[in-house]
Amino acid sequence: MIENENPATKGERRENKRMKRTKMGVSGQSVRAYQDIIRRRSEEITRKKKERTKTE
């Protein structure tokens, strides 16, 4: 069994887990802006595909 050199308290372990989950998290208006960017890009791609099939 491996010995833990720095035994963390239960609270510290919880805090570490919480921070790991929220590192890449986005919240509030940022989410809306992010989703809007994604939606616009996907609409552009589908529009270009439709244009390409019409010309072929």
PDB file of N, CA and C in Angstrom:
ATOM      1  N   MET A   1       0.838  -1.188   0.000  1.00  0.00           N
ATOM      2  CA  MET A   1       0.000   0.000   0.000  1.00  0.00           C
ATOM      3  C   MET A   1       0.880   1.247   0.000  1.00  0.00           C
ATOM      4  N   ILE A   2       0.468   2.247  -0.734  1.00  0.00           N
ATOM      5  CA  ILE A   2       1.255   3.470  -0.856  1.00  0.00           C
ATOM      6  C   ILE A   2       0.919   4.407   0.299  1.00  0.00           C
ATOM      7  N   GLU A   3       1.960   4.944   0.927  1.00  0.00           N
ATOM      8  CA  GLU A   3       1.771   5.897   2.015  1.00  0.00           C
ATOM      9  C   GLU A   3       1.562   7.287   1.425  1.00  0.00           C
ATOM     10  N   ASN A   4       0.586   7.988   1.906  1.00  0.00           N
ATOM     11  CA  ASN A   4       0.321   9.345   1.445  1.00  0.00           C
ATOM     12  C   ASN A   4       1.193  10.302   2.249  1.00  0.00           C
ATOM     13  N   GLU A   5       2.085  11.040   1.571  1.00  0.00           N
ATOM     14  CA  GLU A   5       2.994  11.944   2.269  1.00  0.00           C
ATOM     15  C   GLU A   5       2.264  13.136   2.877  1.00  0.00           C
ATOM     16  N   ASN A   6       1.261  13.654   2.174  1.00  0.00           N
ATOM     17  CA  ASN A   6       0.492  14.789   2.668  1.00  0.00           C
ATOM     18  C   ASN A   6      -0.955  14.371   2.895  1.00  0.00           C
ATOM     19  N   PRO A   7      -1.251  13.830   4.039  1.00  0.00           N
ATOM     20  CA  PRO A   7      -2.651  13.445   4.256  1.00  0.00           C
ATOM     21  C   PRO A   7      -3.526  14.698   4.354  1.00  0.00           C
ATOM     22  N   ALA A   8      -4.438  14.840   3.406  1.00  0.00           N
ATOM     23  CA  ALA A   8      -5.307  16.011   3.385  1.00  0.00           C
ATOM     24  C   ALA A   8      -6.552  15.734   4.222  1.00  0.00           C
ATOM     25  N   THR A   9      -7.097  16.797   4.767  1.00  0.00           N
ATOM     26  CA  THR A   9      -8.330  16.632   5.523  1.00  0.00           C
ATOM     27  C   THR A   9      -9.477  16.405   4.544  1.00  0.00           C
ATOM     28  N   LYS A  10     -10.584  15.932   5.059  1.00  0.00           N
ATOM     29  CA  LYS A  10     -11.747  15.665   4.217  1.00  0.00           C
ATOM     30  C   LYS A  10     -12.192  16.931   3.488  1.00  0.00           C
ATOM     31  N   GLY A  11     -12.168  18.055   4.170  1.00  0.00           N
ATOM     32  CA  GLY A  11     -12.553  19.328   3.572  1.00  0.00           C
ATOM     33  C   GLY A  11     -11.628  19.727   2.431  1.00  0.00           C
ATOM     34  N   GLU A  12     -10.323  19.498   2.603  1.00  0.00           N
ATOM     35  CA  GLU A  12      -9.363  19.829   1.545  1.00  0.00           C
ATOM     36  C   GLU A  12      -9.585  18.958   0.325  1.00  0.00           C
ATOM     37  N   ARG A  13      -9.859  17.679   0.545  1.00  0.00           N
ATOM     38  CA  ARG A  13     -10.098  16.781  -0.590  1.00  0.00           C
ATOM     39  C   ARG A  13     -11.358  17.208  -1.343  1.00  0.00           C
ATOM     40  N   ARG A  14     -12.396  17.575  -0.606  1.00  0.00           N
ATOM     41  CA  ARG A  14     -13.637  18.047  -1.236  1.00  0.00           C
ATOM     42  C   ARG A  14     -13.382  19.297  -2.061  1.00  0.00           C
ATOM     43  N   GLU A  15     -12.635  20.239  -1.484  1.00  0.00           N
ATOM     44  CA  GLU A  15     -12.330  21.491  -2.165  1.00  0.00           C
ATOM     45  C   GLU A  15     -11.545  21.220  -3.446  1.00  0.00           C
ATOM     46  N   ASN A  16     -10.583  20.321  -3.390  1.00  0.00           N
ATOM     47  CA  ASN A  16      -9.799  19.981  -4.579  1.00  0.00           C
ATOM     48  C   ASN A  16     -10.688  19.414  -5.677  1.00  0.00           C
ATOM     49  N   LYS A  17     -11.594  18.522  -5.315  1.00  0.00           N
ATOM     50  CA  LYS A  17     -12.500  17.929  -6.303  1.00  0.00           C
ATOM     51  C   LYS A  17     -13.390  19.004  -6.923  1.00  0.00           C
ATOM     52  N   ARG A  18     -13.892  19.901  -6.087  1.00  0.00           N
ATOM     53  CA  ARG A  18     -14.768  20.963  -6.570  1.00  0.00           C
ATOM     54  C   ARG A  18     -14.018  21.877  -7.537  1.00  0.00           C
ATOM     55  N   MET A  19     -12.789  22.217  -7.202  1.00  0.00           N
ATOM     56  CA  MET A  19     -11.990  23.094  -8.057  1.00  0.00           C
ATOM     57  C   MET A  19     -11.675  22.422  -9.394  1.00  0.00           C
ATOM     58  N   LYS A  20     -11.416  21.129  -9.375  1.00  0.00           N
ATOM     59  CA  LYS A  20     -11.137  20.416 -10.620  1.00  0.00           C
ATOM     60  C   LYS A  20     -12.338  20.471 -11.550  1.00  0.00           C
ATOM     61  N   ARG A  21     -13.537  20.316 -10.973  1.00  0.00           N
ATOM     62  CA  ARG A  21     -14.753  20.327 -11.795  1.00  0.00           C
ATOM     63  C   ARG A  21     -15.032  21.705 -12.380  1.00  0.00           C
ATOM     64  N   THR A  22     -14.707  22.763 -11.639  1.00  0.00           N
ATOM     65  CA  THR A  22     -15.079  24.105 -12.082  1.00  0.00           C
ATOM     66  C   THR A  22     -13.995  24.796 -12.898  1.00  0.00           C
ATOM     67  N   LYS A  23     -12.836  24.180 -13.051  1.00  0.00           N
ATOM     68  CA  LYS A  23     -11.746  24.840 -13.778  1.00  0.00           C
ATOM     69  C   LYS A  23     -12.164  25.244 -15.177  1.00  0.00           C
ATOM     70  N   MET A  24     -12.773  24.321 -15.911  1.00  0.00           N
ATOM     71  CA  MET A  24     -13.150  24.605 -17.281  1.00  0.00           C
ATOM     72  C   MET A  24     -14.616  25.022 -17.393  1.00  0.00           C
ATOM     73  N   GLY A  25     -15.253  25.242 -16.299  1.00  0.00           N
ATOM     74  CA  GLY A  25     -16.673  25.573 -16.311  1.00  0.00           C
ATOM     75  C   GLY A  25     -16.944  26.975 -16.831  1.00  0.00           C
ATOM     76  N   VAL A  26     -18.098  27.140 -17.437  1.00  0.00           N
ATOM     77  CA  VAL A  26     -18.531  28.445 -17.927  1.00  0.00           C
ATOM     78  C   VAL A  26     -19.901  28.688 -17.319  1.00  0.00           C
ATOM     79  N   SER A  27     -20.199  29.918 -16.954  1.00  0.00           N
ATOM     80  CA  SER A  27     -21.495  30.137 -16.319  1.00  0.00           C
ATOM     81  C   SER A  27     -22.147  31.421 -16.794  1.00  0.00           C
ATOM     82  N   GLY A  28     -23.446  31.488 -16.609  1.00  0.00           N
ATOM     83  CA  GLY A  28     -24.216  32.694 -16.872  1.00  0.00           C
ATOM     84  C   GLY A  28     -24.230  33.132 -18.321  1.00  0.00           C
ATOM     85  N   GLN A  29     -23.957  34.416 -18.538  1.00  0.00           N
ATOM     86  CA  GLN A  29     -24.009  34.974 -19.891  1.00  0.00           C
ATOM     87  C   GLN A  29     -22.925  34.390 -20.776  1.00  0.00           C
ATOM     88  N   SER A  30     -21.823  33.966 -20.186  1.00  0.00           N
ATOM     89  CA  SER A  30     -20.752  33.360 -20.973  1.00  0.00           C
ATOM     90  C   SER A  30     -21.271  32.124 -21.698  1.00  0.00           C
ATOM     91  N   VAL A  31     -22.135  31.377 -21.032  1.00  0.00           N
ATOM     92  CA  VAL A  31     -22.695  30.172 -21.643  1.00  0.00           C
ATOM     93  C   VAL A  31     -23.507  30.544 -22.873  1.00  0.00           C
ATOM     94  N   ARG A  32     -24.335  31.566 -22.747  1.00  0.00           N
ATOM     95  CA  ARG A  32     -25.160  31.983 -23.882  1.00  0.00           C
ATOM     96  C   ARG A  32     -24.302  32.430 -25.053  1.00  0.00           C
ATOM     97  N   ALA A  33     -23.273  33.202 -24.763  1.00  0.00           N
ATOM     98  CA  ALA A  33     -22.389  33.677 -25.828  1.00  0.00           C
ATOM     99  C   ALA A  33     -21.687  32.493 -26.488  1.00  0.00           C
ATOM    100  N   TYR A  34     -21.217  31.562 -25.674  1.00  0.00           N
ATOM    101  CA  TYR A  34     -20.520  30.378 -26.175  1.00  0.00           C
ATOM    102  C   TYR A  34     -21.446  29.536 -27.050  1.00  0.00           C
ATOM    103  N   GLN A  35     -22.662  29.309 -26.588  1.00  0.00           N
ATOM    104  CA  GLN A  35     -23.628  28.525 -27.360  1.00  0.00           C
ATOM    105  C   GLN A  35     -23.998  29.232 -28.656  1.00  0.00           C
ATOM    106  N   ASP A  36     -24.082  30.564 -28.614  1.00  0.00           N
ATOM    107  CA  ASP A  36     -24.403  31.336 -29.801  1.00  0.00           C
ATOM    108  C   ASP A  36     -23.310  31.185 -30.856  1.00  0.00           C
ATOM    109  N   ILE A  37     -22.062  31.216 -30.426  1.00  0.00           N
ATOM    110  CA  ILE A  37     -20.931  31.020 -31.343  1.00  0.00           C
ATOM    111  C   ILE A  37     -21.003  29.644 -31.979  1.00  0.00           C
ATOM    112  N   ILE A  38     -21.248  28.638 -31.173  1.00  0.00           N
ATOM    113  CA  ILE A  38     -21.331  27.260 -31.672  1.00  0.00           C
ATOM    114  C   ILE A  38     -22.472  27.123 -32.672  1.00  0.00           C
ATOM    115  N   ARG A  39     -23.635  27.697 -32.339  1.00  0.00           N
ATOM    116  CA  ARG A  39     -24.795  27.610 -33.226  1.00  0.00           C
ATOM    117  C   ARG A  39     -24.521  28.293 -34.558  1.00  0.00           C
ATOM    118  N   ARG A  40     -23.912  29.488 -34.521  1.00  0.00           N
ATOM    119  CA  ARG A  40     -23.599  30.196 -35.766  1.00  0.00           C
ATOM    120  C   ARG A  40     -22.648  29.397 -36.641  1.00  0.00           C
ATOM    121  N   ARG A  41     -21.627  28.810 -36.027  1.00  0.00           N
ATOM    122  CA  ARG A  41     -20.673  28.015 -36.804  1.00  0.00           C
ATOM    123  C   ARG A  41     -21.338  26.804 -37.434  1.00  0.00           C
ATOM    124  N   SER A  42     -22.203  26.139 -36.676  1.00  0.00           N
ATOM    125  CA  SER A  42     -22.875  24.955 -37.225  1.00  0.00           C
ATOM    126  C   SER A  42     -23.834  25.350 -38.347  1.00  0.00           C
ATOM    127  N   GLU A  43     -24.511  26.499 -38.202  1.00  0.00           N
ATOM    128  CA  GLU A  43     -25.405  26.964 -39.266  1.00  0.00           C
ATOM    129  C   GLU A  43     -24.617  27.288 -40.529  1.00  0.00           C
ATOM    130  N   GLU A  44     -23.441  27.882 -40.380  1.00  0.00           N
ATOM    131  CA  GLU A  44     -22.598  28.182 -41.537  1.00  0.00           C
ATOM    132  C   GLU A  44     -22.209  26.900 -42.269  1.00  0.00           C
ATOM    133  N   ILE A  45     -21.825  25.900 -41.519  1.00  0.00           N
ATOM    134  CA  ILE A  45     -21.406  24.629 -42.114  1.00  0.00           C
ATOM    135  C   ILE A  45     -22.562  23.988 -42.877  1.00  0.00           C
ATOM    136  N   THR A  46     -23.747  23.943 -42.268  1.00  0.00           N
ATOM    137  CA  THR A  46     -24.891  23.329 -42.947  1.00  0.00           C
ATOM    138  C   THR A  46     -25.296  24.135 -44.182  1.00  0.00           C
ATOM    139  N   ARG A  47     -25.192  25.467 -44.091  1.00  0.00           N
ATOM    140  CA  ARG A  47     -25.527  26.309 -45.241  1.00  0.00           C
ATOM    141  C   ARG A  47     -24.551  26.049 -46.391  1.00  0.00           C
ATOM    142  N   LYS A  48     -23.272  25.934 -46.077  1.00  0.00           N
ATOM    143  CA  LYS A  48     -22.269  25.668 -47.112  1.00  0.00           C
ATOM    144  C   LYS A  48     -22.485  24.297 -47.750  1.00  0.00           C
ATOM    145  N   LYS A  49     -22.864  23.316 -46.943  1.00  0.00           N
ATOM    146  CA  LYS A  49     -23.125  21.976 -47.478  1.00  0.00           C
ATOM    147  C   LYS A  49     -24.311  22.005 -48.446  1.00  0.00           C
ATOM    148  N   LYS A  50     -25.358  22.738 -48.068  1.00  0.00           N
ATOM    149  CA  LYS A  50     -26.546  22.833 -48.923  1.00  0.00           C
ATOM    150  C   LYS A  50     -26.214  23.522 -50.237  1.00  0.00           C
ATOM    151  N   GLU A  51     -25.407  24.573 -50.174  1.00  0.00           N
ATOM    152  CA  GLU A  51     -25.008  25.290 -51.380  1.00  0.00           C
ATOM    153  C   GLU A  51     -24.185  24.389 -52.301  1.00  0.00           C
ATOM    154  N   ARG A  52     -23.335  23.591 -51.718  1.00  0.00           N
ATOM    155  CA  ARG A  52     -22.484  22.705 -52.488  1.00  0.00           C
ATOM    156  C   ARG A  52     -23.306  21.622 -53.187  1.00  0.00           C
ATOM    157  N   THR A  53     -24.319  21.082 -52.514  1.00  0.00           N
ATOM    158  CA  THR A  53     -25.150  20.038 -53.125  1.00  0.00           C
ATOM    159  C   THR A  53     -26.028  20.610 -54.243  1.00  0.00           C
ATOM    160  N   LYS A  54     -26.425  21.869 -54.147  1.00  0.00           N
ATOM    161  CA  LYS A  54     -27.255  22.483 -55.197  1.00  0.00           C
ATOM    162  C   LYS A  54     -26.453  22.673 -56.484  1.00  0.00           C
ATOM    163  N   THR A  55     -25.171  23.018 -56.341  1.00  0.00           N
ATOM    164  CA  THR A  55     -24.345  23.267 -57.530  1.00  0.00           C
ATOM    165  C   THR A  55     -23.892  21.990 -58.209  1.00  0.00           C
ATOM    166  N   GLU A  56     -23.897  20.895 -57.494  1.00  0.00           N
ATOM    167  CA  GLU A  56     -23.425  19.617 -58.076  1.00  0.00           C
ATOM    168  C   GLU A  56     -24.485  18.929 -58.871  1.00  0.00           C
TER     169      GLU A  56
END
